[in-house]
């Protein structure tokens, strides 16, 4: 049975040509004439207060405007995703992405690690591959702007444990171990906190990390694969 049509803004949805005659999927970053989305002072203050209540270690940093729609109106730099859990390297992102990361870690990743890998001790570091970066999706020359370029996304490459072990994010669909169960569990749980979750089973571009972002789509649609 054919499912319902995908809402506008979903990764596979098609879009009509622009005034330049090319659909966004065929435009360079310069051709898309994008602007930085403004963030309200009240919403930012509410979000940073929530981060503080969770013990996230972060600092404000000046507005970023790299042109072509790349930038963050109210960026923050996060050094600890939760108390005692370092984020390496520090991540420059928008507050809503940092809050989603903290809640995912607290409510899903840490409990899953305790259940699956108790002998490794607690998670001490989350190794991230990309936070803010001015580029198109997957680093392509044409196409839609990446949520990394808006500060909405973070890529997680591995988790480091107290006993010195790293759990790298890689293809684990057929992994019968508890490590495989841990990764599959936290990937699935990510969709409770982020609006996009792409893992190593998604495509070749994500075979070494989770891509997590908080893009807002019509109807609250989420894309998790």
C-alpha atoms as a PDB file:
ATOM      1  CA  UNK A   1       0.000   0.000   0.000  1.00  0.00           C
ATOM      2  CA  UNK A   2       1.340   3.415  -0.888  1.00  0.00           C
ATOM      3  CA  UNK A   3       1.878   5.617   2.140  1.00  0.00           C
ATOM      4  CA  UNK A   4       0.797   9.248   2.501  1.00  0.00           C
ATOM      5  CA  UNK A   5       2.684  11.870   0.525  1.00  0.00           C
ATOM      6  CA  UNK A   6       5.690  13.341   2.260  1.00  0.00           C
ATOM      7  CA  UNK A   7       5.163  16.828   3.632  1.00  0.00           C
ATOM      8  CA  UNK A   8       6.984  19.772   2.097  1.00  0.00           C
ATOM      9  CA  UNK A   9      10.443  20.152   3.572  1.00  0.00           C
ATOM     10  CA  UNK A  10      11.110  16.461   4.043  1.00  0.00           C
ATOM     11  CA  UNK A  11      14.418  15.168   2.671  1.00  0.00           C
ATOM     12  CA  UNK A  12      12.810  13.557  -0.373  1.00  0.00           C
ATOM     13  CA  UNK A  13      10.215  16.186  -1.206  1.00  0.00           C
ATOM     14  CA  UNK A  14      10.539  17.899  -4.575  1.00  0.00           C
ATOM     15  CA  UNK A  15      10.385  21.663  -4.913  1.00  0.00           C
ATOM     16  CA  UNK A  16       9.462  23.853  -7.877  1.00  0.00           C
ATOM     17  CA  UNK A  17      12.055  25.834  -9.813  1.00  0.00           C
ATOM     18  CA  UNK A  18      13.033  29.241  -8.455  1.00  0.00           C
ATOM     19  CA  UNK A  19      13.223  32.528 -10.335  1.00  0.00           C
ATOM     20  CA  UNK A  20      16.673  31.467 -11.505  1.00  0.00           C
ATOM     21  CA  UNK A  21      15.018  28.565 -13.319  1.00  0.00           C
ATOM     22  CA  UNK A  22      16.609  25.800 -11.258  1.00  0.00           C
ATOM     23  CA  UNK A  23      15.083  23.935  -8.315  1.00  0.00           C
ATOM     24  CA  UNK A  24      16.952  24.357  -5.002  1.00  0.00           C
ATOM     25  CA  UNK A  25      18.416  20.875  -5.421  1.00  0.00           C
ATOM     26  CA  UNK A  26      20.403  22.136  -8.404  1.00  0.00           C
ATOM     27  CA  UNK A  27      21.533  25.474  -6.992  1.00  0.00           C
ATOM     28  CA  UNK A  28      24.845  26.390  -5.410  1.00  0.00           C
ATOM     29  CA  UNK A  29      24.884  28.043  -1.995  1.00  0.00           C
ATOM     30  CA  UNK A  30      25.483  31.449  -3.612  1.00  0.00           C
ATOM     31  CA  UNK A  31      22.472  31.068  -5.929  1.00  0.00           C
ATOM     32  CA  UNK A  32      19.974  30.375  -3.137  1.00  0.00           C
ATOM     33  CA  UNK A  33      19.920  33.923  -1.686  1.00  0.00           C
ATOM     34  CA  UNK A  34      19.376  32.707   1.871  1.00  0.00           C
ATOM     35  CA  UNK A  35      19.331  34.702   5.096  1.00  0.00           C
ATOM     36  CA  UNK A  36      20.055  33.853   8.724  1.00  0.00           C
ATOM     37  CA  UNK A  37      16.945  33.059  10.730  1.00  0.00           C
ATOM     38  CA  UNK A  38      16.442  35.469  13.653  1.00  0.00           C
ATOM     39  CA  UNK A  39      16.009  34.090  17.180  1.00  0.00           C
ATOM     40  CA  UNK A  40      13.921  35.853  19.799  1.00  0.00           C
ATOM     41  CA  UNK A  41      15.575  36.975  23.024  1.00  0.00           C
ATOM     42  CA  UNK A  42      12.815  35.371  25.100  1.00  0.00           C
ATOM     43  CA  UNK A  43      13.064  31.956  23.432  1.00  0.00           C
ATOM     44  CA  UNK A  44      16.844  31.986  23.654  1.00  0.00           C
ATOM     45  CA  UNK A  45      16.719  32.881  27.347  1.00  0.00           C
ATOM     46  CA  UNK A  46      14.213  30.095  28.023  1.00  0.00           C
ATOM     47  CA  UNK A  47      16.379  27.598  26.158  1.00  0.00           C
ATOM     48  CA  UNK A  48      19.637  28.577  27.883  1.00  0.00           C
ATOM     49  CA  UNK A  49      17.880  28.391  31.261  1.00  0.00           C
ATOM     50  CA  UNK A  50      16.890  24.809  30.419  1.00  0.00           C
ATOM     51  CA  UNK A  51      20.518  24.035  29.523  1.00  0.00           C
ATOM     52  CA  UNK A  52      21.685  25.465  32.833  1.00  0.00           C
ATOM     53  CA  UNK A  53      19.159  23.380  34.751  1.00  0.00           C
ATOM     54  CA  UNK A  54      20.596  20.244  33.118  1.00  0.00           C
ATOM     55  CA  UNK A  55      24.158  21.284  33.933  1.00  0.00           C
ATOM     56  CA  UNK A  56      25.277  21.736  30.334  1.00  0.00           C
ATOM     57  CA  UNK A  57      28.538  23.703  30.187  1.00  0.00           C
ATOM     58  CA  UNK A  58      28.371  26.383  27.488  1.00  0.00           C
ATOM     59  CA  UNK A  59      29.062  30.005  26.739  1.00  0.00           C
ATOM     60  CA  UNK A  60      27.517  32.609  24.491  1.00  0.00           C
ATOM     61  CA  UNK A  61      29.502  33.761  21.497  1.00  0.00           C
ATOM     62  CA  UNK A  62      28.972  36.645  19.025  1.00  0.00           C
ATOM     63  CA  UNK A  63      26.536  36.342  16.120  1.00  0.00           C
ATOM     64  CA  UNK A  64      27.929  34.390  13.176  1.00  0.00           C
ATOM     65  CA  UNK A  65      27.296  35.590   9.627  1.00  0.00           C
ATOM     66  CA  UNK A  66      29.389  33.836   6.986  1.00  0.00           C
ATOM     67  CA  UNK A  67      27.185  34.968   4.091  1.00  0.00           C
ATOM     68  CA  UNK A  68      24.870  32.997   1.782  1.00  0.00           C
ATOM     69  CA  UNK A  69      22.552  32.181   4.696  1.00  0.00           C
ATOM     70  CA  UNK A  70      25.313  30.529   6.731  1.00  0.00           C
ATOM     71  CA  UNK A  71      25.324  31.641  10.332  1.00  0.00           C
ATOM     72  CA  UNK A  72      23.658  31.665  13.723  1.00  0.00           C
ATOM     73  CA  UNK A  73      21.829  34.624  15.232  1.00  0.00           C
ATOM     74  CA  UNK A  74      22.473  33.583  18.859  1.00  0.00           C
ATOM     75  CA  UNK A  75      25.201  30.913  18.843  1.00  0.00           C
ATOM     76  CA  UNK A  76      26.550  29.101  21.860  1.00  0.00           C
ATOM     77  CA  UNK A  77      29.691  27.009  22.332  1.00  0.00           C
ATOM     78  CA  UNK A  78      29.100  23.779  24.250  1.00  0.00           C
ATOM     79  CA  UNK A  79      32.037  22.126  26.036  1.00  0.00           C
ATOM     80  CA  UNK A  80      30.122  19.596  28.175  1.00  0.00           C
ATOM     81  CA  UNK A  81      26.981  17.915  26.875  1.00  0.00           C
ATOM     82  CA  UNK A  82      26.048  17.120  30.489  1.00  0.00           C
ATOM     83  CA  UNK A  83      27.993  17.515  33.738  1.00  0.00           C
ATOM     84  CA  UNK A  84      31.185  15.458  33.500  1.00  0.00           C
ATOM     85  CA  UNK A  85      30.591  14.482  29.858  1.00  0.00           C
ATOM     86  CA  UNK A  86      32.903  16.485  27.618  1.00  0.00           C
ATOM     87  CA  UNK A  87      31.984  17.340  24.051  1.00  0.00           C
ATOM     88  CA  UNK A  88      35.127  17.127  21.909  1.00  0.00           C
ATOM     89  CA  UNK A  89      35.837  19.286  20.165  1.00  0.00           C
ATOM     90  CA  UNK A  90      33.623  22.029  21.571  1.00  0.00           C
ATOM     91  CA  UNK A  91      30.506  22.484  19.448  1.00  0.00           C
ATOM     92  CA  UNK A  92      29.218  25.774  18.079  1.00  0.00           C
ATOM     93  CA  UNK A  93      25.464  25.354  17.650  1.00  0.00           C
ATOM     94  CA  UNK A  94      22.079  26.913  18.357  1.00  0.00           C
ATOM     95  CA  UNK A  95      20.653  26.390  21.812  1.00  0.00           C
ATOM     96  CA  UNK A  96      17.744  24.142  20.681  1.00  0.00           C
ATOM     97  CA  UNK A  97      20.218  21.659  19.175  1.00  0.00           C
ATOM     98  CA  UNK A  98      22.274  21.663  22.390  1.00  0.00           C
ATOM     99  CA  UNK A  99      19.126  21.098  24.444  1.00  0.00           C
ATOM    100  CA  UNK A 100      18.037  18.176  22.268  1.00  0.00           C
ATOM    101  CA  UNK A 101      21.523  16.677  22.630  1.00  0.00           C
ATOM    102  CA  UNK A 102      21.473  17.026  26.419  1.00  0.00           C
ATOM    103  CA  UNK A 103      18.014  15.499  26.765  1.00  0.00           C
ATOM    104  CA  UNK A 104      18.894  12.603  24.436  1.00  0.00           C
ATOM    105  CA  UNK A 105      22.055  11.917  26.398  1.00  0.00           C
ATOM    106  CA  UNK A 106      20.356  12.136  29.803  1.00  0.00           C
ATOM    107  CA  UNK A 107      17.175  10.205  29.047  1.00  0.00           C
ATOM    108  CA  UNK A 108      18.337   7.679  26.433  1.00  0.00           C
ATOM    109  CA  UNK A 109      22.084   7.360  25.834  1.00  0.00           C
ATOM    110  CA  UNK A 110      23.221   7.140  29.463  1.00  0.00           C
ATOM    111  CA  UNK A 111      20.522   4.626  30.511  1.00  0.00           C
ATOM    112  CA  UNK A 112      21.190   2.505  27.401  1.00  0.00           C
ATOM    113  CA  UNK A 113      24.931   2.515  28.113  1.00  0.00           C
ATOM    114  CA  UNK A 114      24.320   1.499  31.729  1.00  0.00           C
ATOM    115  CA  UNK A 115      22.141  -1.402  30.618  1.00  0.00           C
ATOM    116  CA  UNK A 116      24.261  -2.612  27.695  1.00  0.00           C
ATOM    117  CA  UNK A 117      27.830  -1.809  28.744  1.00  0.00           C
ATOM    118  CA  UNK A 118      27.970  -1.537  32.546  1.00  0.00           C
ATOM    119  CA  UNK A 119      31.500  -2.941  32.676  1.00  0.00           C
ATOM    120  CA  UNK A 120      32.786   0.103  30.760  1.00  0.00           C
ATOM    121  CA  UNK A 121      31.720   2.571  33.436  1.00  0.00           C
ATOM    122  CA  UNK A 122      30.129   5.894  32.639  1.00  0.00           C
ATOM    123  CA  UNK A 123      30.404   7.878  29.403  1.00  0.00           C
ATOM    124  CA  UNK A 124      33.030  10.608  29.835  1.00  0.00           C
ATOM    125  CA  UNK A 125      33.260  12.099  26.340  1.00  0.00           C
ATOM    126  CA  UNK A 126      31.075  12.506  23.292  1.00  0.00           C
ATOM    127  CA  UNK A 127      33.226  12.928  20.186  1.00  0.00           C
ATOM    128  CA  UNK A 128      31.533  15.084  17.590  1.00  0.00           C
ATOM    129  CA  UNK A 129      32.580  15.274  13.951  1.00  0.00           C
ATOM    130  CA  UNK A 130      30.752  18.420  12.815  1.00  0.00           C
ATOM    131  CA  UNK A 131      28.688  21.149  14.442  1.00  0.00           C
ATOM    132  CA  UNK A 132      28.375  24.551  12.720  1.00  0.00           C
ATOM    133  CA  UNK A 133      29.807  24.524   9.194  1.00  0.00           C
ATOM    134  CA  UNK A 134      28.912  26.638   6.172  1.00  0.00           C
ATOM    135  CA  UNK A 135      28.091  24.121   3.448  1.00  0.00           C
ATOM    136  CA  UNK A 136      25.351  22.340   1.526  1.00  0.00           C
ATOM    137  CA  UNK A 137      24.011  18.934   2.555  1.00  0.00           C
ATOM    138  CA  UNK A 138      26.657  16.194   2.495  1.00  0.00           C
ATOM    139  CA  UNK A 139      29.219  18.777   1.334  1.00  0.00           C
ATOM    140  CA  UNK A 140      27.796  18.758  -2.198  1.00  0.00           C
ATOM    141  CA  UNK A 141      28.372  21.533  -4.723  1.00  0.00           C
ATOM    142  CA  UNK A 142      24.663  22.040  -5.365  1.00  0.00           C
ATOM    143  CA  UNK A 143      21.547  21.249  -3.364  1.00  0.00           C
ATOM    144  CA  UNK A 144      19.824  22.401  -0.200  1.00  0.00           C
ATOM    145  CA  UNK A 145      21.731  24.165   2.545  1.00  0.00           C
ATOM    146  CA  UNK A 146      22.883  21.893   5.356  1.00  0.00           C
ATOM    147  CA  UNK A 147      21.381  22.298   8.807  1.00  0.00           C
ATOM    148  CA  UNK A 148      25.005  22.470   9.961  1.00  0.00           C
ATOM    149  CA  UNK A 149      25.158  25.841   8.200  1.00  0.00           C
ATOM    150  CA  UNK A 150      22.269  27.060  10.361  1.00  0.00           C
ATOM    151  CA  UNK A 151      23.614  25.715  13.657  1.00  0.00           C
ATOM    152  CA  UNK A 152      20.796  23.175  13.901  1.00  0.00           C
ATOM    153  CA  UNK A 153      22.876  20.003  13.531  1.00  0.00           C
ATOM    154  CA  UNK A 154      25.596  17.972  15.165  1.00  0.00           C
ATOM    155  CA  UNK A 155      27.329  14.784  14.023  1.00  0.00           C
ATOM    156  CA  UNK A 156      28.272  12.251  16.701  1.00  0.00           C
ATOM    157  CA  UNK A 157      31.215   9.976  15.856  1.00  0.00           C
ATOM    158  CA  UNK A 158      31.792   8.019  19.070  1.00  0.00           C
ATOM    159  CA  UNK A 159      31.272   7.719  22.811  1.00  0.00           C
ATOM    160  CA  UNK A 160      34.242   7.380  25.159  1.00  0.00           C
ATOM    161  CA  UNK A 161      33.819   5.412  28.390  1.00  0.00           C
ATOM    162  CA  UNK A 162      35.449   5.696  31.796  1.00  0.00           C
ATOM    163  CA  UNK A 163      37.312   2.401  31.420  1.00  0.00           C
ATOM    164  CA  UNK A 164      39.052   3.672  28.306  1.00  0.00           C
ATOM    165  CA  UNK A 165      36.862   2.140  25.626  1.00  0.00           C
ATOM    166  CA  UNK A 166      35.504   3.990  22.585  1.00  0.00           C
ATOM    167  CA  UNK A 167      32.243   2.936  20.992  1.00  0.00           C
ATOM    168  CA  UNK A 168      32.466   4.211  17.438  1.00  0.00           C
ATOM    169  CA  UNK A 169      29.334   4.864  15.425  1.00  0.00           C
ATOM    170  CA  UNK A 170      29.417   2.481  12.457  1.00  0.00           C
ATOM    171  CA  UNK A 171      27.173   0.027  10.661  1.00  0.00           C
ATOM    172  CA  UNK A 172      25.741  -2.243  13.339  1.00  0.00           C
ATOM    173  CA  UNK A 173      22.488  -3.481  11.834  1.00  0.00           C
ATOM    174  CA  UNK A 174      23.719  -7.081  12.000  1.00  0.00           C
ATOM    175  CA  UNK A 175      25.885  -6.663  15.107  1.00  0.00           C
ATOM    176  CA  UNK A 176      24.587  -9.286  17.601  1.00  0.00           C
ATOM    177  CA  UNK A 177      26.525  -7.875  20.573  1.00  0.00           C
ATOM    178  CA  UNK A 178      25.337  -5.564  23.326  1.00  0.00           C
ATOM    179  CA  UNK A 179      27.390  -2.808  21.680  1.00  0.00           C
ATOM    180  CA  UNK A 180      25.263  -3.224  18.572  1.00  0.00           C
ATOM    181  CA  UNK A 181      22.119  -3.162  20.690  1.00  0.00           C
ATOM    182  CA  UNK A 182      23.334   0.025  22.388  1.00  0.00           C
ATOM    183  CA  UNK A 183      23.885   1.855  19.098  1.00  0.00           C
ATOM    184  CA  UNK A 184      20.585   0.746  17.576  1.00  0.00           C
ATOM    185  CA  UNK A 185      18.757   1.781  20.734  1.00  0.00           C
ATOM    186  CA  UNK A 186      20.205   5.283  20.937  1.00  0.00           C
ATOM    187  CA  UNK A 187      19.715   5.816  17.192  1.00  0.00           C
ATOM    188  CA  UNK A 188      16.026   4.947  17.453  1.00  0.00           C
ATOM    189  CA  UNK A 189      15.613   7.059  20.588  1.00  0.00           C
ATOM    190  CA  UNK A 190      17.157  10.052  18.862  1.00  0.00           C
ATOM    191  CA  UNK A 191      13.908  10.720  17.023  1.00  0.00           C
ATOM    192  CA  UNK A 192      12.242  11.576  20.342  1.00  0.00           C
ATOM    193  CA  UNK A 193      14.506  14.622  20.661  1.00  0.00           C
ATOM    194  CA  UNK A 194      15.675  15.520  17.144  1.00  0.00           C
ATOM    195  CA  UNK A 195      13.593  16.034  14.002  1.00  0.00           C
ATOM    196  CA  UNK A 196      16.195  14.363  11.779  1.00  0.00           C
ATOM    197  CA  UNK A 197      18.269  11.308  12.672  1.00  0.00           C
ATOM    198  CA  UNK A 198      20.536   9.738  10.065  1.00  0.00           C
ATOM    199  CA  UNK A 199      22.761   6.819  11.069  1.00  0.00           C
ATOM    200  CA  UNK A 200      25.238   4.506   9.313  1.00  0.00           C
ATOM    201  CA  UNK A 201      22.398   2.506   7.796  1.00  0.00           C
ATOM    202  CA  UNK A 202      21.029   5.611   6.041  1.00  0.00           C
ATOM    203  CA  UNK A 203      23.596   6.069   3.282  1.00  0.00           C
ATOM    204  CA  UNK A 204      27.322   6.174   2.567  1.00  0.00           C
ATOM    205  CA  UNK A 205      27.569   9.818   3.680  1.00  0.00           C
ATOM    206  CA  UNK A 206      26.673   8.841   7.254  1.00  0.00           C
ATOM    207  CA  UNK A 207      28.476   5.512   7.636  1.00  0.00           C
ATOM    208  CA  UNK A 208      30.732   6.808  10.441  1.00  0.00           C
ATOM    209  CA  UNK A 209      28.409   9.007  12.515  1.00  0.00           C
ATOM    210  CA  UNK A 210      24.925   9.999  13.602  1.00  0.00           C
ATOM    211  CA  UNK A 211      23.597  13.165  11.973  1.00  0.00           C
ATOM    212  CA  UNK A 212      21.182  14.821  14.404  1.00  0.00           C
ATOM    213  CA  UNK A 213      19.319  18.055  13.694  1.00  0.00           C
ATOM    214  CA  UNK A 214      16.351  20.128  14.864  1.00  0.00           C
ATOM    215  CA  UNK A 215      15.016  21.513  11.582  1.00  0.00           C
ATOM    216  CA  UNK A 216      11.366  22.560  11.882  1.00  0.00           C
ATOM    217  CA  UNK A 217       9.073  21.040   9.260  1.00  0.00           C
ATOM    218  CA  UNK A 218       5.406  21.584   8.564  1.00  0.00           C
ATOM    219  CA  UNK A 219       3.133  19.457  10.703  1.00  0.00           C
ATOM    220  CA  UNK A 220       5.957  18.503  13.062  1.00  0.00           C
ATOM    221  CA  UNK A 221       7.192  15.900  10.562  1.00  0.00           C
ATOM    222  CA  UNK A 222      10.316  13.975  11.577  1.00  0.00           C
ATOM    223  CA  UNK A 223      12.727  12.061   9.377  1.00  0.00           C
ATOM    224  CA  UNK A 224      14.560   9.236  11.151  1.00  0.00           C
ATOM    225  CA  UNK A 225      16.365   6.504   9.258  1.00  0.00           C
END
